[in-house]
Amino acid sequence: MEDVRIVLAGLWIATMLTYLLGDVIRVFAGDFTAGELDGEEATQWMWLLAATVMLIPIVMLVLSLTLGYPAIRWTTIVASGFLVLFNIVGLPYPGLYDNVLIGVSFIFNGLIIYHAWTWT
């Protein structure tokens, strides 16, 4: 049987890379204006919020491998659920690629929640 910690770590990596892929494509597609978020000039607090949200999968990757059970189980469920809700608020996104990638991230987050929930 696979170690749930390794499965979760891999899924967090996949989630993080999916978000980053969307950001990279957004820049190359021209759907991004430097210094703006959602069409308005970004403040330092907005950049801090964006960085914090993008740090969640990275921090969860480390915690998946280091935090004790059952704390990691519930931390994983809460963090993954938060990311799903956070991304639902932005739907639909302007680009088809963004909607597809968010859909893929929902699948990854669903798998994360499933593995954490069924972890015994």
C-alpha atoms as a PDB file:
ATOM      1  CA  MET A   1       0.000   0.000   0.000  1.00  0.00           C
ATOM      2  CA  GLU A   2       1.292   3.446  -0.876  1.00  0.00           C
ATOM      3  CA  ASP A   3       2.168   5.871   1.858  1.00  0.00           C
ATOM      4  CA  VAL A   4      -0.591   8.486   1.989  1.00  0.00           C
ATOM      5  CA  ARG A   5       1.969  11.172   2.817  1.00  0.00           C
ATOM      6  CA  ILE A   6       3.793  10.574  -0.473  1.00  0.00           C
ATOM      7  CA  VAL A   7       0.529  10.561  -2.440  1.00  0.00           C
ATOM      8  CA  LEU A   8      -0.518  13.841  -0.815  1.00  0.00           C
ATOM      9  CA  ALA A   9       2.899  15.396  -1.466  1.00  0.00           C
ATOM     10  CA  GLY A  10       2.686  14.419  -5.132  1.00  0.00           C
ATOM     11  CA  LEU A  11      -0.834  15.813  -5.449  1.00  0.00           C
ATOM     12  CA  TRP A  12       0.224  19.087  -3.818  1.00  0.00           C
ATOM     13  CA  ILE A  13       3.087  19.353  -6.317  1.00  0.00           C
ATOM     14  CA  ALA A  14       0.670  18.707  -9.194  1.00  0.00           C
ATOM     15  CA  THR A  15      -1.721  21.352  -7.839  1.00  0.00           C
ATOM     16  CA  MET A  16       1.056  23.913  -7.466  1.00  0.00           C
ATOM     17  CA  LEU A  17       2.375  23.271 -10.983  1.00  0.00           C
ATOM     18  CA  THR A  18      -1.134  23.567 -12.424  1.00  0.00           C
ATOM     19  CA  TYR A  19      -1.548  27.005 -10.827  1.00  0.00           C
ATOM     20  CA  LEU A  20       1.892  28.079 -12.048  1.00  0.00           C
ATOM     21  CA  LEU A  21       1.180  26.812 -15.570  1.00  0.00           C
ATOM     22  CA  GLY A  22      -1.932  28.976 -15.645  1.00  0.00           C
ATOM     23  CA  ASP A  23       0.113  32.005 -14.580  1.00  0.00           C
ATOM     24  CA  VAL A  24       2.764  31.387 -17.232  1.00  0.00           C
ATOM     25  CA  ILE A  25       0.218  30.881 -20.021  1.00  0.00           C
ATOM     26  CA  ARG A  26      -1.659  34.002 -18.871  1.00  0.00           C
ATOM     27  CA  VAL A  27       1.506  36.070 -19.342  1.00  0.00           C
ATOM     28  CA  PHE A  28       2.302  34.618 -22.774  1.00  0.00           C
ATOM     29  CA  ALA A  29      -1.323  34.857 -23.947  1.00  0.00           C
ATOM     30  CA  GLY A  30      -1.336  38.574 -23.164  1.00  0.00           C
ATOM     31  CA  ASP A  31      -4.094  38.174 -20.573  1.00  0.00           C
ATOM     32  CA  PHE A  32      -1.929  39.802 -17.924  1.00  0.00           C
ATOM     33  CA  THR A  33      -1.065  43.459 -17.404  1.00  0.00           C
ATOM     34  CA  ALA A  34       2.010  44.078 -15.277  1.00  0.00           C
ATOM     35  CA  GLY A  35       1.199  45.728 -11.966  1.00  0.00           C
ATOM     36  CA  GLU A  36      -2.519  44.893 -12.120  1.00  0.00           C
ATOM     37  CA  LEU A  37      -4.760  42.273 -10.565  1.00  0.00           C
ATOM     38  CA  ASP A  38      -8.275  41.917 -11.944  1.00  0.00           C
ATOM     39  CA  GLY A  39      -7.924  45.135 -13.936  1.00  0.00           C
ATOM     40  CA  GLU A  40      -6.933  47.383 -11.066  1.00  0.00           C
ATOM     41  CA  GLU A  41      -3.566  48.588  -9.864  1.00  0.00           C
ATOM     42  CA  ALA A  42      -2.280  46.072  -7.363  1.00  0.00           C
ATOM     43  CA  THR A  43      -1.246  47.153  -3.899  1.00  0.00           C
ATOM     44  CA  GLN A  44       1.395  45.495  -1.769  1.00  0.00           C
ATOM     45  CA  TRP A  45      -1.416  43.878   0.235  1.00  0.00           C
ATOM     46  CA  MET A  46      -2.900  42.367  -2.922  1.00  0.00           C
ATOM     47  CA  TRP A  47       0.505  40.928  -3.885  1.00  0.00           C
ATOM     48  CA  LEU A  48       0.905  39.593  -0.346  1.00  0.00           C
ATOM     49  CA  LEU A  49      -2.491  37.862  -0.606  1.00  0.00           C
ATOM     50  CA  ALA A  50      -1.566  36.377  -3.998  1.00  0.00           C
ATOM     51  CA  ALA A  51       1.756  35.136  -2.630  1.00  0.00           C
ATOM     52  CA  THR A  52       0.055  33.653   0.425  1.00  0.00           C
ATOM     53  CA  VAL A  53      -2.468  31.725  -1.675  1.00  0.00           C
ATOM     54  CA  MET A  54       0.290  30.437  -3.963  1.00  0.00           C
ATOM     55  CA  LEU A  55       2.322  29.366  -0.916  1.00  0.00           C
ATOM     56  CA  ILE A  56      -0.444  27.069   0.361  1.00  0.00           C
ATOM     57  CA  PRO A  57       0.438  24.087  -1.893  1.00  0.00           C
ATOM     58  CA  ILE A  58       4.158  24.544  -1.156  1.00  0.00           C
ATOM     59  CA  VAL A  59       3.632  24.660   2.609  1.00  0.00           C
ATOM     60  CA  MET A  60       1.214  21.721   2.411  1.00  0.00           C
ATOM     61  CA  LEU A  61       3.811  19.708   0.508  1.00  0.00           C
ATOM     62  CA  VAL A  62       6.268  20.156   3.375  1.00  0.00           C
ATOM     63  CA  LEU A  63       3.621  19.562   6.048  1.00  0.00           C
ATOM     64  CA  SER A  64       2.431  16.397   4.276  1.00  0.00           C
ATOM     65  CA  LEU A  65       5.858  14.937   4.850  1.00  0.00           C
ATOM     66  CA  THR A  66       6.526  16.299   8.341  1.00  0.00           C
ATOM     67  CA  LEU A  67       3.364  17.032  10.344  1.00  0.00           C
ATOM     68  CA  GLY A  68       2.048  14.265  12.583  1.00  0.00           C
ATOM     69  CA  TYR A  69      -1.159  12.348  12.036  1.00  0.00           C
ATOM     70  CA  PRO A  70      -4.073  13.238  12.582  1.00  0.00           C
ATOM     71  CA  ALA A  71      -3.133  16.956  12.434  1.00  0.00           C
ATOM     72  CA  ILE A  72      -1.970  16.644   8.816  1.00  0.00           C
ATOM     73  CA  ARG A  73      -5.213  14.914   7.842  1.00  0.00           C
ATOM     74  CA  TRP A  74      -7.396  17.817   8.957  1.00  0.00           C
ATOM     75  CA  THR A  75      -4.944  20.503   7.867  1.00  0.00           C
ATOM     76  CA  THR A  76      -4.954  18.964   4.385  1.00  0.00           C
ATOM     77  CA  ILE A  77      -8.737  18.828   4.161  1.00  0.00           C
ATOM     78  CA  VAL A  78      -9.111  22.447   5.296  1.00  0.00           C
ATOM     79  CA  ALA A  79      -6.339  23.803   3.031  1.00  0.00           C
ATOM     80  CA  SER A  80      -7.571  21.949  -0.037  1.00  0.00           C
ATOM     81  CA  GLY A  81     -11.182  22.920   0.638  1.00  0.00           C
ATOM     82  CA  PHE A  82     -10.115  26.565   0.993  1.00  0.00           C
ATOM     83  CA  LEU A  83      -8.337  26.491  -2.381  1.00  0.00           C
ATOM     84  CA  VAL A  84     -11.411  25.021  -4.068  1.00  0.00           C
ATOM     85  CA  LEU A  85     -13.663  27.720  -2.594  1.00  0.00           C
ATOM     86  CA  PHE A  86     -11.139  30.453  -3.390  1.00  0.00           C
ATOM     87  CA  ASN A  87     -11.017  29.369  -7.039  1.00  0.00           C
ATOM     88  CA  ILE A  88     -14.787  28.913  -7.356  1.00  0.00           C
ATOM     89  CA  VAL A  89     -15.220  32.603  -6.514  1.00  0.00           C
ATOM     90  CA  GLY A  90     -13.266  33.565  -9.655  1.00  0.00           C
ATOM     91  CA  LEU A  91     -15.213  31.349 -12.072  1.00  0.00           C
ATOM     92  CA  PRO A  92     -15.608  31.633 -14.961  1.00  0.00           C
ATOM     93  CA  TYR A  93     -12.179  32.874 -15.952  1.00  0.00           C
ATOM     94  CA  PRO A  94     -11.749  34.781 -19.237  1.00  0.00           C
ATOM     95  CA  GLY A  95      -9.506  32.228 -20.963  1.00  0.00           C
ATOM     96  CA  LEU A  96     -10.591  28.707 -21.853  1.00  0.00           C
ATOM     97  CA  TYR A  97      -7.158  27.460 -20.743  1.00  0.00           C
ATOM     98  CA  ASP A  98      -7.703  29.024 -17.300  1.00  0.00           C
ATOM     99  CA  ASN A  99     -11.043  27.273 -16.867  1.00  0.00           C
ATOM    100  CA  VAL A 100      -9.565  23.935 -17.963  1.00  0.00           C
ATOM    101  CA  LEU A 101      -6.601  24.305 -15.594  1.00  0.00           C
ATOM    102  CA  ILE A 102      -8.847  25.295 -12.694  1.00  0.00           C
ATOM    103  CA  GLY A 103     -10.973  22.226 -13.493  1.00  0.00           C
ATOM    104  CA  VAL A 104      -7.827  20.087 -13.334  1.00  0.00           C
ATOM    105  CA  SER A 105      -6.872  21.701 -10.020  1.00  0.00           C
ATOM    106  CA  PHE A 106     -10.363  20.851  -8.702  1.00  0.00           C
ATOM    107  CA  ILE A 107      -9.695  17.216  -9.589  1.00  0.00           C
ATOM    108  CA  PHE A 108      -6.327  17.321  -7.808  1.00  0.00           C
ATOM    109  CA  ASN A 109      -7.906  19.003  -4.778  1.00  0.00           C
ATOM    110  CA  GLY A 110     -10.691  16.434  -4.781  1.00  0.00           C
ATOM    111  CA  LEU A 111      -8.120  13.655  -4.776  1.00  0.00           C
ATOM    112  CA  ILE A 112      -6.241  15.377  -1.960  1.00  0.00           C
ATOM    113  CA  ILE A 113      -9.411  15.588   0.127  1.00  0.00           C
ATOM    114  CA  TYR A 114     -10.346  11.997  -0.721  1.00  0.00           C
ATOM    115  CA  HIS A 115      -6.953  10.595   0.304  1.00  0.00           C
ATOM    116  CA  ALA A 116      -6.875  12.668   3.495  1.00  0.00           C
ATOM    117  CA  TRP A 117     -10.478  11.786   4.380  1.00  0.00           C
ATOM    118  CA  THR A 118     -10.011   8.034   3.856  1.00  0.00           C
ATOM    119  CA  TRP A 119      -6.623   7.964   5.603  1.00  0.00           C
ATOM    120  CA  THR A 120      -6.764   5.482   8.469  1.00  0.00           C
END
